[in-house]
Amino acid sequence: MIIEKIAGNIASLATGNRKVDFLQLEWYEMTKRIQRKHTQDGLEIAIKFLKEGQRLQHGDILYIDDEKVVVVDILPSDAIVVTPRSLLEMGSVCYEIGNKHLPVFIQNDQVLIPFEEPIFRWLAASGYDTVKAHTRLTNLLNANVQPHSHGGSSSLFSKILGMAAKER
């Protein structure tokens, strides 16, 4: 079965009494535009997104008919969870992680990154409130798509710093 677009999301589309078949994916597979996988029930799925920027989300419906619905299920993985104590700390930790070119997830006012022991120790030694957790990484910050400049216009980090300064 070839999937070229997302049919909806289970959070906003009632599935009724249809059988739910999960396509389990790792967090890093959510941005792949072309891939071939099998659902839990063994159905072969070929994802072929032709448009730029299409990205799978947890709960996305890839196929639906009168009897069955195929839903994306992100598998939990080990992650570093940083709970910033202020907007300034949120901006700082995102900036520092971004400088290391690591994927950043923002969920429930927390910053999450896939677990790596050296990064975990570095963040803890830097004074950030960090814990290791086994969780779903679902809300990838899409920072690499926006062009940035080192001149005239202000960066996202500069804007966050400006907002934090106004809060004081």
N, C-alpha and C. Protein backbone atom coordinates (compact mmCIF):
# COMPACT_ATOMS: atom_id res chain seq x y z
N MET A 1 0.84 -1.16 0.00
CA MET A 1 0.00 0.00 0.00
C MET A 1 0.90 1.24 0.00
N ILE A 2 0.66 2.16 -0.93
CA ILE A 2 1.45 3.37 -1.03
C ILE A 2 0.67 4.53 -0.41
N ILE A 3 1.31 5.23 0.52
CA ILE A 3 0.70 6.37 1.21
C ILE A 3 1.39 7.64 0.72
N GLU A 4 0.61 8.56 0.14
CA GLU A 4 1.18 9.81 -0.36
C GLU A 4 0.74 11.02 0.43
N LYS A 5 -0.26 10.83 1.32
CA LYS A 5 -0.69 11.95 2.16
C LYS A 5 -1.32 11.41 3.44
N ILE A 6 -1.38 12.28 4.42
CA ILE A 6 -1.97 11.93 5.72
C ILE A 6 -3.47 12.15 5.64
N ALA A 7 -4.25 11.18 6.11
CA ALA A 7 -5.71 11.25 6.03
C ALA A 7 -6.33 12.01 7.20
N GLY A 8 -5.57 12.31 8.23
CA GLY A 8 -6.09 12.98 9.42
C GLY A 8 -5.30 12.55 10.63
N ASN A 9 -5.85 12.82 11.80
CA ASN A 9 -5.20 12.41 13.04
C ASN A 9 -6.26 11.81 13.96
N ILE A 10 -5.88 10.77 14.66
CA ILE A 10 -6.80 10.04 15.52
C ILE A 10 -7.37 10.93 16.63
N ALA A 11 -6.66 12.01 16.97
CA ALA A 11 -7.13 12.93 18.01
C ALA A 11 -8.34 13.74 17.55
N SER A 12 -8.48 13.92 16.24
CA SER A 12 -9.58 14.75 15.74
C SER A 12 -10.54 14.02 14.79
N LEU A 13 -10.28 12.77 14.51
CA LEU A 13 -11.12 12.01 13.59
C LEU A 13 -11.57 10.72 14.27
N ALA A 14 -12.86 10.57 14.44
CA ALA A 14 -13.39 9.38 15.11
C ALA A 14 -13.17 8.14 14.24
N THR A 15 -12.71 7.07 14.86
CA THR A 15 -12.46 5.84 14.12
C THR A 15 -13.62 4.86 14.22
N GLY A 16 -14.59 5.15 15.08
CA GLY A 16 -15.75 4.28 15.24
C GLY A 16 -15.33 2.89 15.70
N ASN A 17 -15.93 1.88 15.07
CA ASN A 17 -15.61 0.51 15.48
C ASN A 17 -14.60 -0.15 14.54
N ARG A 18 -13.83 0.65 13.81
CA ARG A 18 -12.80 0.12 12.92
C ARG A 18 -11.66 -0.48 13.73
N LYS A 19 -11.03 -1.48 13.18
CA LYS A 19 -9.84 -2.07 13.80
C LYS A 19 -8.67 -1.11 13.59
N VAL A 20 -7.95 -0.80 14.67
CA VAL A 20 -6.80 0.10 14.60
C VAL A 20 -5.53 -0.75 14.46
N ASP A 21 -4.79 -0.48 13.42
CA ASP A 21 -3.51 -1.15 13.15
C ASP A 21 -2.42 -0.08 13.24
N PHE A 22 -1.45 -0.27 14.13
CA PHE A 22 -0.43 0.75 14.37
C PHE A 22 0.80 0.52 13.50
N LEU A 23 1.29 1.62 12.95
CA LEU A 23 2.58 1.64 12.28
C LEU A 23 3.55 2.27 13.27
N GLN A 24 4.39 1.44 13.88
CA GLN A 24 5.29 1.92 14.92
C GLN A 24 6.58 2.44 14.28
N LEU A 25 6.92 3.67 14.65
CA LEU A 25 8.10 4.33 14.10
C LEU A 25 8.95 4.91 15.23
N GLU A 26 10.24 5.00 15.00
CA GLU A 26 11.15 5.69 15.91
C GLU A 26 11.04 7.19 15.64
N TRP A 27 11.43 8.02 16.60
CA TRP A 27 11.30 9.47 16.45
C TRP A 27 12.03 9.98 15.21
N TYR A 28 13.17 9.40 14.89
CA TYR A 28 13.96 9.89 13.76
C TYR A 28 13.38 9.48 12.40
N GLU A 29 12.40 8.60 12.39
CA GLU A 29 11.76 8.20 11.13
C GLU A 29 10.59 9.12 10.76
N MET A 30 10.22 10.02 11.64
CA MET A 30 9.04 10.86 11.42
C MET A 30 9.24 11.88 10.30
N THR A 31 10.48 12.23 10.00
CA THR A 31 10.75 13.23 8.96
C THR A 31 11.16 12.61 7.63
N LYS A 32 11.27 11.30 7.58
CA LYS A 32 11.65 10.63 6.33
C LYS A 32 10.48 10.71 5.34
N ARG A 33 10.77 11.14 4.14
CA ARG A 33 9.72 11.29 3.13
C ARG A 33 9.44 10.00 2.38
N ILE A 34 10.41 9.11 2.33
CA ILE A 34 10.23 7.83 1.63
C ILE A 34 10.74 6.72 2.54
N GLN A 35 9.84 5.77 2.83
CA GLN A 35 10.23 4.62 3.65
C GLN A 35 9.22 3.49 3.46
N ARG A 36 9.68 2.30 3.75
CA ARG A 36 8.84 1.11 3.63
C ARG A 36 8.87 0.39 4.97
N LYS A 37 7.69 0.15 5.56
CA LYS A 37 7.59 -0.46 6.88
C LYS A 37 6.40 -1.42 6.89
N HIS A 38 6.29 -2.16 8.00
CA HIS A 38 5.15 -3.06 8.22
C HIS A 38 4.42 -2.62 9.48
N THR A 39 3.09 -2.69 9.44
CA THR A 39 2.29 -2.37 10.62
C THR A 39 2.36 -3.54 11.60
N GLN A 40 1.78 -3.36 12.77
CA GLN A 40 1.76 -4.43 13.77
C GLN A 40 1.05 -5.68 13.24
N ASP A 41 0.03 -5.48 12.39
CA ASP A 41 -0.69 -6.62 11.83
C ASP A 41 -0.02 -7.19 10.57
N GLY A 42 1.14 -6.62 10.18
CA GLY A 42 1.89 -7.16 9.05
C GLY A 42 1.59 -6.52 7.71
N LEU A 43 0.78 -5.49 7.65
CA LEU A 43 0.47 -4.81 6.39
C LEU A 43 1.68 -4.00 5.95
N GLU A 44 2.12 -4.18 4.70
CA GLU A 44 3.26 -3.42 4.20
C GLU A 44 2.79 -2.02 3.77
N ILE A 45 3.48 -1.02 4.29
CA ILE A 45 3.17 0.38 4.01
C ILE A 45 4.38 1.01 3.35
N ALA A 46 4.18 1.67 2.22
CA ALA A 46 5.24 2.44 1.57
C ALA A 46 4.82 3.91 1.66
N ILE A 47 5.60 4.69 2.40
CA ILE A 47 5.31 6.12 2.53
C ILE A 47 6.12 6.84 1.46
N LYS A 48 5.44 7.66 0.69
CA LYS A 48 6.07 8.38 -0.42
C LYS A 48 5.51 9.80 -0.45
N PHE A 49 6.07 10.66 0.41
CA PHE A 49 5.65 12.06 0.46
C PHE A 49 6.49 12.84 -0.56
N LEU A 50 5.83 13.43 -1.54
CA LEU A 50 6.53 14.16 -2.58
C LEU A 50 6.75 15.62 -2.23
N LYS A 51 5.87 16.18 -1.43
CA LYS A 51 5.98 17.60 -1.07
C LYS A 51 7.02 17.78 0.03
N GLU A 52 7.79 18.87 -0.06
CA GLU A 52 8.75 19.22 0.99
C GLU A 52 8.00 19.56 2.26
N GLY A 53 8.60 19.25 3.40
CA GLY A 53 8.04 19.68 4.67
C GLY A 53 6.97 18.77 5.24
N GLN A 54 6.56 17.73 4.53
CA GLN A 54 5.59 16.82 5.11
C GLN A 54 6.28 16.01 6.19
N ARG A 55 5.62 15.92 7.33
CA ARG A 55 6.21 15.24 8.48
C ARG A 55 5.12 14.48 9.21
N LEU A 56 5.42 13.27 9.59
CA LEU A 56 4.46 12.47 10.34
C LEU A 56 4.40 12.93 11.79
N GLN A 57 3.23 12.79 12.39
CA GLN A 57 3.02 13.10 13.80
C GLN A 57 2.41 11.87 14.48
N HIS A 58 2.60 11.79 15.78
CA HIS A 58 1.99 10.70 16.55
C HIS A 58 0.47 10.78 16.38
N GLY A 59 -0.15 9.66 16.02
CA GLY A 59 -1.59 9.60 15.84
C GLY A 59 -2.08 9.89 14.43
N ASP A 60 -1.17 10.20 13.51
CA ASP A 60 -1.59 10.45 12.13
C ASP A 60 -2.22 9.20 11.54
N ILE A 61 -3.28 9.41 10.78
CA ILE A 61 -3.97 8.32 10.10
C ILE A 61 -3.42 8.24 8.67
N LEU A 62 -2.85 7.10 8.34
CA LEU A 62 -2.28 6.91 7.01
C LEU A 62 -3.26 6.25 6.05
N TYR A 63 -4.19 5.48 6.59
CA TYR A 63 -5.16 4.78 5.76
C TYR A 63 -6.41 4.55 6.59
N ILE A 64 -7.56 4.70 5.94
CA ILE A 64 -8.83 4.44 6.62
C ILE A 64 -9.83 3.91 5.60
N ASP A 65 -10.54 2.85 5.98
CA ASP A 65 -11.67 2.35 5.19
C ASP A 65 -12.77 1.95 6.17
N ASP A 66 -13.76 1.22 5.72
CA ASP A 66 -14.90 0.88 6.58
C ASP A 66 -14.54 -0.08 7.71
N GLU A 67 -13.45 -0.82 7.56
CA GLU A 67 -13.10 -1.83 8.55
C GLU A 67 -11.82 -1.55 9.33
N LYS A 68 -10.90 -0.80 8.74
CA LYS A 68 -9.56 -0.67 9.31
C LYS A 68 -9.06 0.76 9.23
N VAL A 69 -8.19 1.11 10.19
CA VAL A 69 -7.50 2.39 10.17
C VAL A 69 -6.04 2.14 10.56
N VAL A 70 -5.10 2.71 9.80
CA VAL A 70 -3.68 2.58 10.09
C VAL A 70 -3.21 3.89 10.71
N VAL A 71 -2.65 3.79 11.93
CA VAL A 71 -2.29 4.97 12.72
C VAL A 71 -0.81 4.93 13.08
N VAL A 72 -0.15 6.09 12.97
CA VAL A 72 1.27 6.22 13.34
C VAL A 72 1.40 6.20 14.86
N ASP A 73 2.34 5.40 15.35
CA ASP A 73 2.61 5.30 16.78
C ASP A 73 4.12 5.50 16.98
N ILE A 74 4.50 6.63 17.60
CA ILE A 74 5.91 6.87 17.88
C ILE A 74 6.32 6.04 19.08
N LEU A 75 7.36 5.27 18.93
CA LEU A 75 7.86 4.44 20.03
C LEU A 75 8.59 5.29 21.06
N PRO A 76 8.38 5.03 22.33
CA PRO A 76 9.14 5.76 23.35
C PRO A 76 10.63 5.44 23.25
N SER A 77 11.46 6.41 23.63
CA SER A 77 12.90 6.23 23.64
C SER A 77 13.50 7.00 24.80
N ASP A 78 14.75 6.73 25.10
CA ASP A 78 15.42 7.47 26.17
C ASP A 78 15.68 8.90 25.72
N ALA A 79 15.44 9.83 26.62
CA ALA A 79 15.59 11.25 26.30
C ALA A 79 16.11 12.02 27.50
N ILE A 80 16.73 13.14 27.20
CA ILE A 80 17.11 14.09 28.23
C ILE A 80 15.97 15.11 28.30
N VAL A 81 15.43 15.30 29.50
CA VAL A 81 14.35 16.26 29.69
C VAL A 81 14.90 17.42 30.52
N VAL A 82 14.85 18.61 29.95
CA VAL A 82 15.30 19.82 30.64
C VAL A 82 14.06 20.64 30.96
N THR A 83 13.90 20.99 32.24
CA THR A 83 12.79 21.83 32.66
C THR A 83 13.34 23.23 32.97
N PRO A 84 13.20 24.15 32.02
CA PRO A 84 13.72 25.50 32.24
C PRO A 84 12.96 26.22 33.36
N ARG A 85 13.69 27.01 34.12
CA ARG A 85 13.10 27.75 35.23
C ARG A 85 12.60 29.13 34.81
N SER A 86 12.94 29.56 33.60
CA SER A 86 12.51 30.87 33.09
C SER A 86 12.55 30.86 31.57
N LEU A 87 11.99 31.89 30.98
CA LEU A 87 12.02 32.02 29.52
C LEU A 87 13.46 32.23 29.06
N LEU A 88 14.24 32.95 29.83
CA LEU A 88 15.65 33.16 29.50
C LEU A 88 16.40 31.82 29.49
N GLU A 89 16.15 30.98 30.49
CA GLU A 89 16.80 29.67 30.54
C GLU A 89 16.33 28.78 29.38
N MET A 90 15.05 28.90 29.01
CA MET A 90 14.53 28.16 27.86
C MET A 90 15.29 28.54 26.60
N GLY A 91 15.45 29.83 26.37
CA GLY A 91 16.19 30.30 25.20
C GLY A 91 17.64 29.87 25.24
N SER A 92 18.26 29.97 26.40
CA SER A 92 19.67 29.60 26.54
C SER A 92 19.91 28.14 26.27
N VAL A 93 19.10 27.26 26.86
CA VAL A 93 19.31 25.83 26.66
C VAL A 93 19.04 25.44 25.21
N CYS A 94 18.02 26.02 24.58
CA CYS A 94 17.75 25.72 23.16
C CYS A 94 18.90 26.20 22.28
N TYR A 95 19.44 27.36 22.60
CA TYR A 95 20.56 27.90 21.85
C TYR A 95 21.78 26.99 21.98
N GLU A 96 22.08 26.57 23.19
CA GLU A 96 23.24 25.71 23.43
C GLU A 96 23.08 24.36 22.73
N ILE A 97 21.90 23.78 22.83
CA ILE A 97 21.65 22.49 22.17
C ILE A 97 21.71 22.66 20.65
N GLY A 98 21.12 23.75 20.16
CA GLY A 98 21.13 24.03 18.72
C GLY A 98 22.54 24.20 18.18
N ASN A 99 23.42 24.78 18.97
CA ASN A 99 24.81 24.94 18.54
C ASN A 99 25.51 23.60 18.39
N LYS A 100 24.98 22.57 19.00
CA LYS A 100 25.55 21.23 18.87
C LYS A 100 24.85 20.44 17.75
N HIS A 101 23.92 21.10 17.07
CA HIS A 101 23.19 20.51 15.94
C HIS A 101 22.45 19.24 16.32
N LEU A 102 21.85 19.25 17.51
CA LEU A 102 21.06 18.12 17.98
C LEU A 102 19.58 18.43 17.76
N PRO A 103 18.77 17.40 17.51
CA PRO A 103 17.33 17.63 17.38
C PRO A 103 16.75 18.07 18.73
N VAL A 104 15.86 19.05 18.70
CA VAL A 104 15.24 19.60 19.91
C VAL A 104 13.74 19.39 19.82
N PHE A 105 13.16 18.91 20.91
CA PHE A 105 11.71 18.72 21.01
C PHE A 105 11.22 19.62 22.14
N ILE A 106 10.11 20.30 21.93
CA ILE A 106 9.49 21.13 22.96
C ILE A 106 8.14 20.49 23.29
N GLN A 107 7.99 20.02 24.53
CA GLN A 107 6.77 19.34 24.96
C GLN A 107 6.48 19.74 26.40
N ASN A 108 5.26 20.18 26.66
CA ASN A 108 4.83 20.51 28.03
C ASN A 108 5.78 21.47 28.73
N ASP A 109 6.18 22.53 28.06
CA ASP A 109 7.09 23.54 28.61
C ASP A 109 8.44 22.96 29.02
N GLN A 110 8.83 21.87 28.38
CA GLN A 110 10.12 21.25 28.64
C GLN A 110 10.86 21.08 27.32
N VAL A 111 12.17 21.02 27.41
CA VAL A 111 13.03 20.78 26.25
C VAL A 111 13.51 19.34 26.34
N LEU A 112 13.33 18.59 25.25
CA LEU A 112 13.75 17.19 25.22
C LEU A 112 14.71 16.99 24.07
N ILE A 113 15.71 16.15 24.29
CA ILE A 113 16.61 15.74 23.22
C ILE A 113 16.87 14.24 23.39
N PRO A 114 17.15 13.54 22.30
CA PRO A 114 17.49 12.12 22.42
C PRO A 114 18.67 11.96 23.37
N PHE A 115 18.63 10.91 24.17
CA PHE A 115 19.62 10.74 25.23
C PHE A 115 21.01 10.43 24.70
N GLU A 116 21.98 11.19 25.18
CA GLU A 116 23.40 10.94 24.99
C GLU A 116 24.06 11.28 26.32
N GLU A 117 24.79 10.35 26.88
CA GLU A 117 25.39 10.53 28.21
C GLU A 117 26.27 11.78 28.32
N PRO A 118 27.17 12.06 27.36
CA PRO A 118 28.00 13.27 27.51
C PRO A 118 27.18 14.57 27.53
N ILE A 119 26.15 14.63 26.71
CA ILE A 119 25.29 15.83 26.68
C ILE A 119 24.51 15.94 27.99
N PHE A 120 24.03 14.81 28.49
CA PHE A 120 23.31 14.80 29.77
C PHE A 120 24.19 15.36 30.89
N ARG A 121 25.43 14.88 30.96
CA ARG A 121 26.35 15.35 32.01
C ARG A 121 26.71 16.82 31.82
N TRP A 122 26.89 17.24 30.57
CA TRP A 122 27.22 18.64 30.29
C TRP A 122 26.07 19.57 30.71
N LEU A 123 24.83 19.21 30.39
CA LEU A 123 23.68 20.04 30.76
C LEU A 123 23.52 20.10 32.28
N ALA A 124 23.69 18.96 32.96
CA ALA A 124 23.59 18.93 34.42
C ALA A 124 24.70 19.78 35.05
N ALA A 125 25.93 19.66 34.54
CA ALA A 125 27.05 20.44 35.07
C ALA A 125 26.87 21.94 34.81
N SER A 126 26.12 22.28 33.76
CA SER A 126 25.86 23.69 33.44
C SER A 126 24.76 24.28 34.30
N GLY A 127 24.15 23.46 35.17
CA GLY A 127 23.16 23.96 36.11
C GLY A 127 21.71 23.83 35.66
N TYR A 128 21.47 23.18 34.53
CA TYR A 128 20.09 23.00 34.07
C TYR A 128 19.43 21.86 34.85
N ASP A 129 18.12 21.98 35.03
CA ASP A 129 17.33 20.94 35.70
C ASP A 129 17.08 19.82 34.68
N THR A 130 17.87 18.75 34.74
CA THR A 130 17.80 17.68 33.75
C THR A 130 17.49 16.34 34.39
N VAL A 131 16.73 15.52 33.68
CA VAL A 131 16.48 14.15 34.08
C VAL A 131 16.49 13.27 32.82
N LYS A 132 16.78 11.99 33.03
CA LYS A 132 16.67 11.01 31.95
C LYS A 132 15.29 10.39 32.04
N ALA A 133 14.61 10.30 30.91
CA ALA A 133 13.26 9.72 30.90
C ALA A 133 13.09 8.85 29.67
N HIS A 134 12.20 7.89 29.76
CA HIS A 134 11.81 7.05 28.62
C HIS A 134 10.45 7.56 28.17
N THR A 135 10.41 8.27 27.05
CA THR A 135 9.20 8.96 26.62
C THR A 135 9.12 9.05 25.10
N ARG A 136 7.97 9.48 24.61
CA ARG A 136 7.80 9.70 23.17
C ARG A 136 8.33 11.10 22.84
N LEU A 137 9.14 11.18 21.82
CA LEU A 137 9.62 12.47 21.32
C LEU A 137 8.71 12.85 20.16
N THR A 138 7.75 13.72 20.43
CA THR A 138 6.69 13.95 19.46
C THR A 138 6.68 15.33 18.80
N ASN A 139 7.24 16.34 19.42
CA ASN A 139 7.09 17.70 18.89
C ASN A 139 8.45 18.28 18.52
N LEU A 140 8.99 17.83 17.39
CA LEU A 140 10.30 18.27 16.93
C LEU A 140 10.26 19.74 16.55
N LEU A 141 11.17 20.51 17.11
CA LEU A 141 11.29 21.92 16.76
C LEU A 141 11.89 22.00 15.37
N ASN A 142 11.23 22.66 14.48
CA ASN A 142 11.63 22.71 13.08
C ASN A 142 12.49 23.93 12.83
N ALA A 143 13.60 24.05 13.51
CA ALA A 143 14.43 25.24 13.42
C ALA A 143 15.34 25.25 12.20
N ASN A 144 15.63 24.09 11.64
CA ASN A 144 16.59 24.05 10.54
C ASN A 144 16.01 24.49 9.20
N VAL A 145 14.72 24.70 9.12
CA VAL A 145 14.10 25.10 7.86
C VAL A 145 14.19 26.60 7.65
N GLN A 146 14.13 27.36 8.72
CA GLN A 146 14.16 28.81 8.62
C GLN A 146 15.57 29.30 8.33
N PRO A 147 15.74 30.12 7.29
CA PRO A 147 17.06 30.67 7.05
C PRO A 147 17.41 31.67 8.15
N HIS A 148 18.69 31.80 8.43
CA HIS A 148 19.10 32.76 9.44
C HIS A 148 20.22 33.62 8.89
N SER A 149 20.42 34.75 9.50
CA SER A 149 21.49 35.64 9.06
C SER A 149 22.30 36.06 10.25
N HIS A 150 23.49 36.51 9.97
CA HIS A 150 24.38 36.98 11.03
C HIS A 150 24.53 38.49 10.92
N GLY A 151 23.55 39.13 10.31
CA GLY A 151 23.65 40.57 10.11
C GLY A 151 22.42 41.29 10.58
N GLY A 152 21.71 41.91 9.63
CA GLY A 152 20.63 42.85 9.91
C GLY A 152 19.46 42.37 10.73
N SER A 153 18.89 41.21 10.44
CA SER A 153 17.68 40.80 11.16
C SER A 153 18.06 40.07 12.45
N SER A 154 17.15 40.13 13.41
CA SER A 154 17.44 39.50 14.70
C SER A 154 17.09 38.02 14.65
N SER A 155 17.81 37.23 15.44
CA SER A 155 17.60 35.80 15.49
C SER A 155 16.49 35.46 16.47
N LEU A 156 16.05 34.20 16.45
CA LEU A 156 15.05 33.73 17.40
C LEU A 156 15.58 33.88 18.82
N PHE A 157 16.86 33.56 19.02
CA PHE A 157 17.47 33.68 20.35
C PHE A 157 17.45 35.14 20.83
N SER A 158 17.76 36.07 19.93
CA SER A 158 17.73 37.50 20.29
C SER A 158 16.32 37.92 20.70
N LYS A 159 15.32 37.43 19.99
CA LYS A 159 13.94 37.77 20.31
C LYS A 159 13.55 37.21 21.68
N ILE A 160 13.97 35.98 21.99
CA ILE A 160 13.66 35.38 23.29
C ILE A 160 14.35 36.15 24.40
N LEU A 161 15.60 36.53 24.19
CA LEU A 161 16.31 37.33 25.19
C LEU A 161 15.62 38.66 25.42
N GLY A 162 15.14 39.28 24.34
CA GLY A 162 14.41 40.54 24.46
C GLY A 162 13.13 40.38 25.24
N MET A 163 12.39 39.28 25.00
CA MET A 163 11.16 39.02 25.75
C MET A 163 11.45 38.78 27.21
N ALA A 164 12.54 38.04 27.51
CA ALA A 164 12.89 37.76 28.89
C ALA A 164 13.29 39.03 29.63
N ALA A 165 13.97 39.93 28.92
CA ALA A 165 14.38 41.19 29.55
C ALA A 165 13.15 42.04 29.91
N LYS A 166 12.11 41.98 29.08
CA LYS A 166 10.89 42.74 29.34
C LYS A 166 10.14 42.19 30.55
N GLU A 167 10.28 40.86 30.81
CA GLU A 167 9.60 40.25 31.96
C GLU A 167 10.15 40.72 33.29
N ARG A 168 11.39 41.11 33.32
CA ARG A 168 12.05 41.48 34.58
C ARG A 168 11.51 42.73 35.11
